Amino acid sequence: MSKNPLAAKVAIPYARALYDFSVEQNLMHQITADFQNLEVFLEETPDLISYLNNPLIGANQKQELLDKTLKNQLNKETFKFLSILVTRDRINLLKPIIKSYLNLVYDLASIKMVEVSTAFAFTNLQKNTLIKKLKELTNAREIRLIINVDSSLIGGFLIKTNSKVIDFTIKNQLQLLAKHLDTILEI
């Protein structure tokens, strides 16, 4: 997720254009799979993102690196799109473009992205139970979980969707209890 709201805004037309192209050319599944894999790959290789985002490195060098690392791994049309981003000096928007594109696809397919913060990693059974419950609550066909482990939550979990935050953390419960005790003791 881009921390820069301007980058996210600039990325939307690129994502929309690729989305429209993928639908028109019947390539949505291939490009979506490429972008899902690319999203994971970029998370695992922050040096690549730093290199692509570096304004001191020329477009030719960036294209050369993409040719060596990704050309054989991606669909021809996905790679062409990356090359266009390099040519237009927009490769620094790759992560927000991927996120925007995938959001368009997920909206179409009724797939909800849900971010879950938890004090301890979920077991597969807990994950599957949570997904099942979230499907019922959101009427989504599919749920994609983004799980963050945060030991400061002490226990429980926090669920974030586009429009809602549901906090079942022990940290939150303790904060609410502290506020309640403060109001009682001040009376």
N, C-alpha and C. Protein backbone atom coordinates (compact mmCIF):
# COMPACT_ATOMS: atom_id res chain seq x y z
N MET A 1 0.84 -1.18 0.00
CA MET A 1 0.00 0.00 0.00
C MET A 1 0.87 1.23 0.00
N SER A 2 0.55 2.16 -0.88
CA SER A 2 1.33 3.38 -0.97
C SER A 2 1.01 4.30 0.19
N LYS A 3 2.06 4.82 0.80
CA LYS A 3 1.87 5.78 1.88
C LYS A 3 1.63 7.17 1.31
N ASN A 4 1.89 7.34 0.02
CA ASN A 4 1.76 8.63 -0.63
C ASN A 4 0.42 8.71 -1.36
N PRO A 5 -0.51 9.54 -0.85
CA PRO A 5 -1.83 9.61 -1.49
C PRO A 5 -1.78 10.15 -2.91
N LEU A 6 -0.82 11.03 -3.21
CA LEU A 6 -0.69 11.57 -4.56
C LEU A 6 -0.28 10.46 -5.53
N ALA A 7 0.66 9.63 -5.11
CA ALA A 7 1.09 8.50 -5.96
C ALA A 7 -0.08 7.57 -6.23
N ALA A 8 -0.88 7.32 -5.19
CA ALA A 8 -2.04 6.45 -5.36
C ALA A 8 -3.03 7.06 -6.35
N LYS A 9 -3.21 8.37 -6.30
CA LYS A 9 -4.14 9.04 -7.24
C LYS A 9 -3.63 8.98 -8.67
N VAL A 10 -2.33 9.20 -8.85
CA VAL A 10 -1.74 9.17 -10.19
C VAL A 10 -1.76 7.75 -10.75
N ALA A 11 -1.69 6.76 -9.87
CA ALA A 11 -1.66 5.36 -10.29
C ALA A 11 -3.00 4.88 -10.84
N ILE A 12 -4.08 5.46 -10.38
CA ILE A 12 -5.42 4.97 -10.74
C ILE A 12 -5.67 4.95 -12.26
N PRO A 13 -5.38 6.03 -13.00
CA PRO A 13 -5.63 5.96 -14.46
C PRO A 13 -4.80 4.87 -15.17
N TYR A 14 -3.59 4.66 -14.71
CA TYR A 14 -2.76 3.60 -15.31
C TYR A 14 -3.38 2.23 -15.02
N ALA A 15 -3.80 2.04 -13.78
CA ALA A 15 -4.42 0.77 -13.40
C ALA A 15 -5.72 0.57 -14.18
N ARG A 16 -6.49 1.63 -14.31
CA ARG A 16 -7.78 1.55 -15.03
C ARG A 16 -7.55 1.20 -16.51
N ALA A 17 -6.54 1.85 -17.10
CA ALA A 17 -6.24 1.58 -18.51
C ALA A 17 -5.81 0.13 -18.71
N LEU A 18 -4.97 -0.37 -17.82
CA LEU A 18 -4.54 -1.77 -17.92
C LEU A 18 -5.71 -2.71 -17.69
N TYR A 19 -6.56 -2.37 -16.73
CA TYR A 19 -7.74 -3.18 -16.45
C TYR A 19 -8.64 -3.25 -17.69
N ASP A 20 -8.94 -2.10 -18.28
CA ASP A 20 -9.78 -2.06 -19.48
C ASP A 20 -9.15 -2.87 -20.62
N PHE A 21 -7.84 -2.72 -20.79
CA PHE A 21 -7.12 -3.47 -21.82
C PHE A 21 -7.22 -4.97 -21.55
N SER A 22 -7.04 -5.36 -20.28
CA SER A 22 -7.06 -6.79 -19.95
C SER A 22 -8.43 -7.41 -20.20
N VAL A 23 -9.48 -6.63 -19.94
CA VAL A 23 -10.84 -7.12 -20.21
C VAL A 23 -11.06 -7.23 -21.72
N GLU A 24 -10.68 -6.18 -22.43
CA GLU A 24 -10.86 -6.10 -23.88
C GLU A 24 -10.12 -7.23 -24.60
N GLN A 25 -8.91 -7.52 -24.14
CA GLN A 25 -8.08 -8.54 -24.80
C GLN A 25 -8.24 -9.94 -24.18
N ASN A 26 -9.14 -10.06 -23.22
CA ASN A 26 -9.38 -11.32 -22.53
C ASN A 26 -8.10 -11.86 -21.86
N LEU A 27 -7.38 -10.94 -21.21
CA LEU A 27 -6.13 -11.30 -20.55
C LEU A 27 -6.17 -11.06 -19.04
N MET A 28 -7.36 -10.81 -18.50
CA MET A 28 -7.46 -10.43 -17.09
C MET A 28 -6.83 -11.47 -16.17
N HIS A 29 -7.08 -12.74 -16.42
CA HIS A 29 -6.55 -13.78 -15.53
C HIS A 29 -5.03 -13.81 -15.54
N GLN A 30 -4.43 -13.69 -16.73
CA GLN A 30 -2.97 -13.73 -16.82
C GLN A 30 -2.34 -12.50 -16.17
N ILE A 31 -2.87 -11.32 -16.48
CA ILE A 31 -2.30 -10.09 -15.92
C ILE A 31 -2.53 -10.03 -14.41
N THR A 32 -3.69 -10.47 -13.96
CA THR A 32 -3.96 -10.49 -12.52
C THR A 32 -2.98 -11.43 -11.81
N ALA A 33 -2.78 -12.60 -12.37
CA ALA A 33 -1.83 -13.55 -11.77
C ALA A 33 -0.42 -12.96 -11.75
N ASP A 34 -0.03 -12.31 -12.86
CA ASP A 34 1.28 -11.66 -12.92
C ASP A 34 1.41 -10.60 -11.82
N PHE A 35 0.37 -9.78 -11.66
CA PHE A 35 0.43 -8.71 -10.67
C PHE A 35 0.40 -9.25 -9.24
N GLN A 36 -0.34 -10.32 -9.01
CA GLN A 36 -0.33 -10.92 -7.67
C GLN A 36 1.07 -11.45 -7.34
N ASN A 37 1.68 -12.12 -8.30
CA ASN A 37 3.04 -12.64 -8.10
C ASN A 37 4.05 -11.50 -7.98
N LEU A 38 3.88 -10.48 -8.80
CA LEU A 38 4.78 -9.34 -8.77
C LEU A 38 4.67 -8.58 -7.45
N GLU A 39 3.47 -8.49 -6.92
CA GLU A 39 3.26 -7.82 -5.63
C GLU A 39 4.06 -8.54 -4.53
N VAL A 40 4.00 -9.85 -4.52
CA VAL A 40 4.75 -10.64 -3.53
C VAL A 40 6.25 -10.48 -3.78
N PHE A 41 6.66 -10.57 -5.03
CA PHE A 41 8.08 -10.46 -5.39
C PHE A 41 8.64 -9.11 -4.95
N LEU A 42 7.90 -8.03 -5.17
CA LEU A 42 8.37 -6.70 -4.81
C LEU A 42 8.47 -6.53 -3.29
N GLU A 43 7.57 -7.17 -2.55
CA GLU A 43 7.65 -7.13 -1.09
C GLU A 43 8.91 -7.84 -0.60
N GLU A 44 9.31 -8.88 -1.31
CA GLU A 44 10.48 -9.66 -0.91
C GLU A 44 11.79 -9.07 -1.40
N THR A 45 11.72 -8.12 -2.35
CA THR A 45 12.94 -7.51 -2.90
C THR A 45 12.86 -5.99 -2.84
N PRO A 46 12.99 -5.43 -1.65
CA PRO A 46 12.91 -3.97 -1.52
C PRO A 46 14.02 -3.24 -2.29
N ASP A 47 15.15 -3.92 -2.51
CA ASP A 47 16.24 -3.30 -3.27
C ASP A 47 15.81 -3.01 -4.71
N LEU A 48 15.00 -3.88 -5.28
CA LEU A 48 14.51 -3.67 -6.64
C LEU A 48 13.64 -2.42 -6.70
N ILE A 49 12.75 -2.26 -5.73
CA ILE A 49 11.89 -1.08 -5.68
C ILE A 49 12.74 0.18 -5.51
N SER A 50 13.73 0.12 -4.64
CA SER A 50 14.61 1.27 -4.42
C SER A 50 15.32 1.65 -5.73
N TYR A 51 15.78 0.64 -6.45
CA TYR A 51 16.47 0.87 -7.72
C TYR A 51 15.52 1.51 -8.74
N LEU A 52 14.31 0.94 -8.86
CA LEU A 52 13.35 1.47 -9.83
C LEU A 52 12.86 2.86 -9.45
N ASN A 53 12.81 3.17 -8.17
CA ASN A 53 12.33 4.48 -7.71
C ASN A 53 13.42 5.55 -7.73
N ASN A 54 14.66 5.14 -7.92
CA ASN A 54 15.78 6.08 -7.88
C ASN A 54 15.78 6.97 -9.12
N PRO A 55 15.61 8.30 -8.94
CA PRO A 55 15.57 9.20 -10.10
C PRO A 55 16.93 9.39 -10.77
N LEU A 56 18.00 8.99 -10.11
CA LEU A 56 19.34 9.16 -10.69
C LEU A 56 19.69 8.05 -11.66
N ILE A 57 18.92 6.97 -11.65
CA ILE A 57 19.17 5.84 -12.55
C ILE A 57 18.31 6.04 -13.80
N GLY A 58 18.94 5.93 -14.95
CA GLY A 58 18.27 6.19 -16.22
C GLY A 58 17.28 5.10 -16.62
N ALA A 59 16.38 5.48 -17.51
CA ALA A 59 15.35 4.56 -17.99
C ALA A 59 15.94 3.33 -18.67
N ASN A 60 17.06 3.52 -19.40
CA ASN A 60 17.69 2.38 -20.09
C ASN A 60 18.18 1.33 -19.10
N GLN A 61 18.78 1.80 -17.99
CA GLN A 61 19.28 0.86 -16.99
C GLN A 61 18.12 0.15 -16.29
N LYS A 62 17.05 0.88 -16.03
CA LYS A 62 15.88 0.27 -15.39
C LYS A 62 15.26 -0.78 -16.31
N GLN A 63 15.17 -0.44 -17.60
CA GLN A 63 14.61 -1.38 -18.57
C GLN A 63 15.49 -2.62 -18.68
N GLU A 64 16.80 -2.41 -18.68
CA GLU A 64 17.74 -3.52 -18.74
C GLU A 64 17.55 -4.48 -17.56
N LEU A 65 17.39 -3.90 -16.37
CA LEU A 65 17.18 -4.72 -15.18
C LEU A 65 15.87 -5.51 -15.28
N LEU A 66 14.81 -4.85 -15.73
CA LEU A 66 13.53 -5.54 -15.89
C LEU A 66 13.65 -6.66 -16.93
N ASP A 67 14.38 -6.39 -18.02
CA ASP A 67 14.59 -7.43 -19.04
C ASP A 67 15.26 -8.66 -18.44
N LYS A 68 16.26 -8.44 -17.59
CA LYS A 68 17.00 -9.55 -17.00
C LYS A 68 16.20 -10.29 -15.93
N THR A 69 15.41 -9.55 -15.14
CA THR A 69 14.77 -10.17 -13.99
C THR A 69 13.34 -10.65 -14.24
N LEU A 70 12.58 -9.91 -15.04
CA LEU A 70 11.15 -10.20 -15.12
C LEU A 70 10.62 -10.61 -16.50
N LYS A 71 11.36 -10.33 -17.54
CA LYS A 71 10.83 -10.56 -18.89
C LYS A 71 10.34 -11.99 -19.11
N ASN A 72 11.10 -12.95 -18.65
CA ASN A 72 10.73 -14.36 -18.86
C ASN A 72 9.71 -14.87 -17.84
N GLN A 73 9.43 -14.06 -16.81
CA GLN A 73 8.52 -14.48 -15.76
C GLN A 73 7.10 -13.99 -15.97
N LEU A 74 6.91 -12.99 -16.84
CA LEU A 74 5.61 -12.34 -16.99
C LEU A 74 5.01 -12.56 -18.37
N ASN A 75 3.71 -12.43 -18.44
CA ASN A 75 2.98 -12.41 -19.70
C ASN A 75 3.55 -11.27 -20.55
N LYS A 76 3.56 -11.46 -21.87
CA LYS A 76 4.12 -10.46 -22.78
C LYS A 76 3.46 -9.09 -22.59
N GLU A 77 2.15 -9.07 -22.43
CA GLU A 77 1.43 -7.79 -22.29
C GLU A 77 1.71 -7.12 -20.95
N THR A 78 1.86 -7.91 -19.90
CA THR A 78 2.20 -7.35 -18.59
C THR A 78 3.57 -6.70 -18.67
N PHE A 79 4.52 -7.39 -19.32
CA PHE A 79 5.87 -6.84 -19.43
C PHE A 79 5.88 -5.58 -20.28
N LYS A 80 5.08 -5.55 -21.35
CA LYS A 80 4.98 -4.34 -22.17
C LYS A 80 4.50 -3.16 -21.33
N PHE A 81 3.53 -3.43 -20.46
CA PHE A 81 3.01 -2.39 -19.58
C PHE A 81 4.13 -1.85 -18.67
N LEU A 82 4.93 -2.75 -18.10
CA LEU A 82 6.05 -2.30 -17.27
C LEU A 82 7.03 -1.46 -18.07
N SER A 83 7.26 -1.85 -19.31
CA SER A 83 8.17 -1.09 -20.18
C SER A 83 7.62 0.31 -20.46
N ILE A 84 6.31 0.41 -20.64
CA ILE A 84 5.68 1.72 -20.85
C ILE A 84 5.88 2.59 -19.60
N LEU A 85 5.73 1.98 -18.43
CA LEU A 85 5.94 2.74 -17.18
C LEU A 85 7.38 3.25 -17.10
N VAL A 86 8.34 2.44 -17.53
CA VAL A 86 9.74 2.88 -17.53
C VAL A 86 9.92 4.03 -18.51
N THR A 87 9.39 3.87 -19.72
CA THR A 87 9.52 4.89 -20.76
C THR A 87 8.91 6.22 -20.33
N ARG A 88 7.78 6.16 -19.66
CA ARG A 88 7.08 7.38 -19.23
C ARG A 88 7.56 7.88 -17.86
N ASP A 89 8.59 7.25 -17.34
CA ASP A 89 9.15 7.62 -16.03
C ASP A 89 8.10 7.51 -14.93
N ARG A 90 7.31 6.45 -15.00
CA ARG A 90 6.27 6.19 -14.00
C ARG A 90 6.48 4.84 -13.30
N ILE A 91 7.64 4.23 -13.49
CA ILE A 91 7.89 2.93 -12.87
C ILE A 91 7.90 3.05 -11.34
N ASN A 92 8.14 4.27 -10.83
CA ASN A 92 8.10 4.49 -9.39
C ASN A 92 6.69 4.31 -8.83
N LEU A 93 5.68 4.27 -9.70
CA LEU A 93 4.29 4.08 -9.28
C LEU A 93 3.86 2.62 -9.37
N LEU A 94 4.80 1.72 -9.59
CA LEU A 94 4.44 0.32 -9.83
C LEU A 94 3.62 -0.28 -8.70
N LYS A 95 4.05 -0.11 -7.45
CA LYS A 95 3.31 -0.71 -6.34
C LYS A 95 1.89 -0.15 -6.22
N PRO A 96 1.69 1.18 -6.26
CA PRO A 96 0.31 1.68 -6.20
C PRO A 96 -0.53 1.28 -7.43
N ILE A 97 0.11 1.15 -8.58
CA ILE A 97 -0.63 0.71 -9.78
C ILE A 97 -1.08 -0.73 -9.59
N ILE A 98 -0.20 -1.58 -9.09
CA ILE A 98 -0.57 -2.98 -8.84
C ILE A 98 -1.74 -3.03 -7.87
N LYS A 99 -1.65 -2.27 -6.78
CA LYS A 99 -2.71 -2.27 -5.77
C LYS A 99 -4.03 -1.80 -6.38
N SER A 100 -4.00 -0.72 -7.15
CA SER A 100 -5.22 -0.20 -7.77
C SER A 100 -5.81 -1.18 -8.77
N TYR A 101 -4.95 -1.79 -9.58
CA TYR A 101 -5.42 -2.77 -10.56
C TYR A 101 -6.08 -3.96 -9.87
N LEU A 102 -5.41 -4.49 -8.85
CA LEU A 102 -5.97 -5.65 -8.15
C LEU A 102 -7.28 -5.29 -7.45
N ASN A 103 -7.38 -4.07 -6.93
CA ASN A 103 -8.65 -3.64 -6.32
C ASN A 103 -9.78 -3.61 -7.34
N LEU A 104 -9.49 -3.16 -8.55
CA LEU A 104 -10.50 -3.17 -9.61
C LEU A 104 -10.95 -4.60 -9.92
N VAL A 105 -10.00 -5.50 -10.02
CA VAL A 105 -10.32 -6.90 -10.30
C VAL A 105 -11.11 -7.52 -9.15
N TYR A 106 -10.68 -7.24 -7.93
CA TYR A 106 -11.35 -7.81 -6.76
C TYR A 106 -12.78 -7.28 -6.63
N ASP A 107 -12.95 -5.99 -6.93
CA ASP A 107 -14.31 -5.43 -6.89
C ASP A 107 -15.21 -6.14 -7.89
N LEU A 108 -14.69 -6.35 -9.08
CA LEU A 108 -15.47 -7.03 -10.12
C LEU A 108 -15.82 -8.45 -9.68
N ALA A 109 -14.88 -9.13 -9.06
CA ALA A 109 -15.07 -10.53 -8.68
C ALA A 109 -15.69 -10.69 -7.30
N SER A 110 -16.06 -9.59 -6.66
CA SER A 110 -16.63 -9.62 -5.31
C SER A 110 -15.66 -10.28 -4.32
N ILE A 111 -14.40 -9.85 -4.43
CA ILE A 111 -13.37 -10.30 -3.50
C ILE A 111 -13.04 -9.12 -2.60
N LYS A 112 -13.11 -9.34 -1.30
CA LYS A 112 -12.83 -8.28 -0.34
C LYS A 112 -11.43 -8.46 0.24
N MET A 113 -10.72 -7.35 0.31
CA MET A 113 -9.41 -7.33 0.97
C MET A 113 -9.66 -6.96 2.43
N VAL A 114 -9.18 -7.78 3.34
CA VAL A 114 -9.37 -7.53 4.76
C VAL A 114 -8.01 -7.61 5.44
N GLU A 115 -7.67 -6.54 6.16
CA GLU A 115 -6.42 -6.51 6.90
C GLU A 115 -6.70 -6.90 8.34
N VAL A 116 -5.95 -7.87 8.83
CA VAL A 116 -6.13 -8.36 10.20
C VAL A 116 -4.81 -8.22 10.94
N SER A 117 -4.86 -7.51 12.06
CA SER A 117 -3.69 -7.41 12.94
C SER A 117 -3.97 -8.28 14.15
N THR A 118 -2.99 -9.08 14.52
CA THR A 118 -3.16 -10.02 15.61
C THR A 118 -1.89 -10.09 16.45
N ALA A 119 -2.04 -10.43 17.72
CA ALA A 119 -0.88 -10.53 18.60
C ALA A 119 -0.05 -11.78 18.28
N PHE A 120 -0.72 -12.83 17.84
CA PHE A 120 -0.06 -14.10 17.52
C PHE A 120 -0.56 -14.58 16.17
N ALA A 121 0.29 -15.30 15.45
CA ALA A 121 -0.10 -15.81 14.14
C ALA A 121 -1.30 -16.76 14.27
N PHE A 122 -2.20 -16.70 13.29
CA PHE A 122 -3.37 -17.59 13.28
C PHE A 122 -2.98 -18.98 12.83
N THR A 123 -3.69 -19.98 13.34
CA THR A 123 -3.56 -21.33 12.81
C THR A 123 -4.41 -21.37 11.53
N ASN A 124 -4.24 -22.40 10.74
CA ASN A 124 -5.05 -22.53 9.52
C ASN A 124 -6.53 -22.62 9.85
N LEU A 125 -6.87 -23.33 10.91
CA LEU A 125 -8.27 -23.46 11.32
C LEU A 125 -8.85 -22.10 11.70
N GLN A 126 -8.10 -21.31 12.46
CA GLN A 126 -8.57 -19.97 12.83
C GLN A 126 -8.73 -19.09 11.60
N LYS A 127 -7.77 -19.17 10.69
CA LYS A 127 -7.82 -18.37 9.46
C LYS A 127 -9.06 -18.74 8.64
N ASN A 128 -9.30 -20.02 8.47
CA ASN A 128 -10.45 -20.48 7.68
C ASN A 128 -11.77 -20.11 8.34
N THR A 129 -11.83 -20.20 9.67
CA THR A 129 -13.04 -19.82 10.39
C THR A 129 -13.31 -18.32 10.23
N LEU A 130 -12.25 -17.53 10.34
CA LEU A 130 -12.39 -16.07 10.18
C LEU A 130 -12.85 -15.73 8.76
N ILE A 131 -12.26 -16.37 7.77
CA ILE A 131 -12.65 -16.12 6.37
C ILE A 131 -14.12 -16.47 6.17
N LYS A 132 -14.53 -17.60 6.69
CA LYS A 132 -15.93 -18.02 6.56
C LYS A 132 -16.87 -16.98 7.18
N LYS A 133 -16.54 -16.51 8.38
CA LYS A 133 -17.37 -15.53 9.07
C LYS A 133 -17.38 -14.19 8.32
N LEU A 134 -16.23 -13.78 7.81
CA LEU A 134 -16.14 -12.53 7.06
C LEU A 134 -16.94 -12.59 5.75
N LYS A 135 -16.95 -13.75 5.12
CA LYS A 135 -17.76 -13.92 3.90
C LYS A 135 -19.23 -13.69 4.21
N GLU A 136 -19.68 -14.26 5.35
CA GLU A 136 -21.08 -14.08 5.75
C GLU A 136 -21.39 -12.61 6.04
N LEU A 137 -20.49 -11.95 6.74
CA LEU A 137 -20.72 -10.55 7.13
C LEU A 137 -20.68 -9.58 5.96
N THR A 138 -19.79 -9.84 4.98
CA THR A 138 -19.59 -8.89 3.89
C THR A 138 -20.32 -9.28 2.60
N ASN A 139 -20.89 -10.48 2.57
CA ASN A 139 -21.51 -11.00 1.35
C ASN A 139 -20.53 -11.08 0.18
N ALA A 140 -19.26 -11.24 0.50
CA ALA A 140 -18.23 -11.36 -0.54
C ALA A 140 -18.15 -12.81 -0.98
N ARG A 141 -17.79 -12.98 -2.24
CA ARG A 141 -17.61 -14.33 -2.77
C ARG A 141 -16.31 -14.92 -2.25
N GLU A 142 -15.32 -14.05 -2.06
CA GLU A 142 -14.02 -14.50 -1.58
C GLU A 142 -13.41 -13.42 -0.70
N ILE A 143 -12.60 -13.84 0.27
CA ILE A 143 -11.91 -12.93 1.18
C ILE A 143 -10.41 -13.15 1.02
N ARG A 144 -9.67 -12.06 0.86
CA ARG A 144 -8.20 -12.13 0.86
C ARG A 144 -7.72 -11.47 2.13
N LEU A 145 -7.06 -12.23 2.98
CA LEU A 145 -6.57 -11.72 4.25
C LEU A 145 -5.14 -11.19 4.10
N ILE A 146 -4.90 -10.04 4.71
CA ILE A 146 -3.55 -9.52 4.88
C ILE A 146 -3.33 -9.55 6.38
N ILE A 147 -2.46 -10.44 6.83
CA ILE A 147 -2.29 -10.64 8.26
C ILE A 147 -0.99 -10.00 8.74
N ASN A 148 -1.12 -9.14 9.75
CA ASN A 148 0.03 -8.50 10.39
C ASN A 148 0.09 -8.98 11.83
N VAL A 149 1.24 -9.45 12.25
CA VAL A 149 1.42 -9.87 13.65
C VAL A 149 2.03 -8.69 14.41
N ASP A 150 1.33 -8.25 15.47
CA ASP A 150 1.75 -7.11 16.28
C ASP A 150 1.61 -7.48 17.75
N SER A 151 2.73 -7.81 18.39
CA SER A 151 2.69 -8.29 19.78
C SER A 151 2.20 -7.22 20.76
N SER A 152 2.22 -5.94 20.36
CA SER A 152 1.74 -4.89 21.27
C SER A 152 0.23 -4.97 21.50
N LEU A 153 -0.47 -5.75 20.69
CA LEU A 153 -1.92 -5.90 20.86
C LEU A 153 -2.26 -6.79 22.06
N ILE A 154 -1.28 -7.47 22.60
CA ILE A 154 -1.37 -8.37 23.75
C ILE A 154 -2.13 -9.65 23.41
N GLY A 155 -3.31 -9.54 22.85
CA GLY A 155 -4.12 -10.69 22.47
C GLY A 155 -5.27 -10.20 21.61
N GLY A 156 -6.01 -11.13 21.04
CA GLY A 156 -7.15 -10.77 20.20
C GLY A 156 -6.70 -10.35 18.81
N PHE A 157 -7.58 -9.61 18.10
CA PHE A 157 -7.24 -9.18 16.75
C PHE A 157 -8.04 -7.94 16.37
N LEU A 158 -7.55 -7.26 15.34
CA LEU A 158 -8.14 -6.04 14.81
C LEU A 158 -8.41 -6.28 13.33
N ILE A 159 -9.64 -6.02 12.88
CA ILE A 159 -10.02 -6.24 11.49
C ILE A 159 -10.28 -4.90 10.83
N LYS A 160 -9.64 -4.68 9.66
CA LYS A 160 -9.85 -3.45 8.90
C LYS A 160 -10.29 -3.81 7.49
N THR A 161 -11.41 -3.22 7.07
CA THR A 161 -11.83 -3.31 5.68
C THR A 161 -11.85 -1.88 5.16
N ASN A 162 -12.35 -1.68 3.96
CA ASN A 162 -12.38 -0.33 3.40
C ASN A 162 -13.12 0.66 4.28
N SER A 163 -14.22 0.22 4.88
CA SER A 163 -15.07 1.17 5.59
C SER A 163 -15.23 0.91 7.08
N LYS A 164 -14.70 -0.19 7.58
CA LYS A 164 -14.93 -0.54 8.98
C LYS A 164 -13.65 -0.98 9.67
N VAL A 165 -13.63 -0.71 10.99
CA VAL A 165 -12.57 -1.22 11.84
C VAL A 165 -13.26 -1.91 13.02
N ILE A 166 -12.94 -3.18 13.22
CA ILE A 166 -13.51 -3.94 14.32
C ILE A 166 -12.35 -4.35 15.21
N ASP A 167 -12.38 -3.88 16.46
CA ASP A 167 -11.25 -4.07 17.37
C ASP A 167 -11.61 -5.04 18.49
N PHE A 168 -11.05 -6.25 18.43
CA PHE A 168 -11.24 -7.26 19.45
C PHE A 168 -9.94 -7.50 20.22
N THR A 169 -9.07 -6.49 20.28
CA THR A 169 -7.77 -6.68 20.93
C THR A 169 -7.88 -6.48 22.43
N ILE A 170 -7.04 -7.17 23.15
CA ILE A 170 -7.00 -7.00 24.60
C ILE A 170 -6.49 -5.59 24.93
N LYS A 171 -5.56 -5.09 24.13
CA LYS A 171 -5.05 -3.73 24.33
C LYS A 171 -6.20 -2.73 24.30
N ASN A 172 -7.09 -2.85 23.34
CA ASN A 172 -8.24 -1.95 23.24
C ASN A 172 -9.18 -2.11 24.43
N GLN A 173 -9.42 -3.36 24.82
CA GLN A 173 -10.30 -3.62 25.95
C GLN A 173 -9.73 -3.00 27.23
N LEU A 174 -8.42 -3.09 27.41
CA LEU A 174 -7.78 -2.48 28.59
C LEU A 174 -7.88 -0.96 28.54
N GLN A 175 -7.72 -0.38 27.34
CA GLN A 175 -7.85 1.08 27.21
C GLN A 175 -9.27 1.53 27.52
N LEU A 176 -10.26 0.79 27.04
CA LEU A 176 -11.65 1.13 27.34
C LEU A 176 -11.94 1.01 28.83
N LEU A 177 -11.40 -0.03 29.46
CA LEU A 177 -11.58 -0.21 30.89
C LEU A 177 -10.93 0.94 31.66
N ALA A 178 -9.75 1.35 31.24
CA ALA A 178 -9.05 2.46 31.89
C ALA A 178 -9.86 3.75 31.77
N LYS A 179 -10.42 4.01 30.61
CA LYS A 179 -11.26 5.21 30.41
C LYS A 179 -12.48 5.15 31.32
N HIS A 180 -13.09 3.98 31.37
CA HIS A 180 -14.29 3.80 32.20
C HIS A 180 -13.95 4.03 33.67
N LEU A 181 -12.85 3.49 34.13
CA LEU A 181 -12.43 3.69 35.52
C LEU A 181 -12.09 5.15 35.80
N ASP A 182 -11.48 5.83 34.83
CA ASP A 182 -11.19 7.26 35.00
C ASP A 182 -12.46 8.06 35.21
N THR A 183 -13.50 7.76 34.43
CA THR A 183 -14.75 8.52 34.57
C THR A 183 -15.44 8.21 35.88
N ILE A 184 -15.36 6.97 36.34
CA ILE A 184 -16.00 6.58 37.61
C ILE A 184 -15.26 7.22 38.78
N LEU A 185 -13.94 7.19 38.73
CA LEU A 185 -13.14 7.70 39.85
C LEU A 185 -13.16 9.22 39.95
N GLU A 186 -13.41 9.92 38.86
CA GLU A 186 -13.46 11.39 38.87
C GLU A 186 -14.77 11.90 39.45
N ILE A 187 -15.80 11.11 39.53
CA ILE A 187 -17.12 11.54 40.00
C ILE A 187 -17.12 11.79 41.47
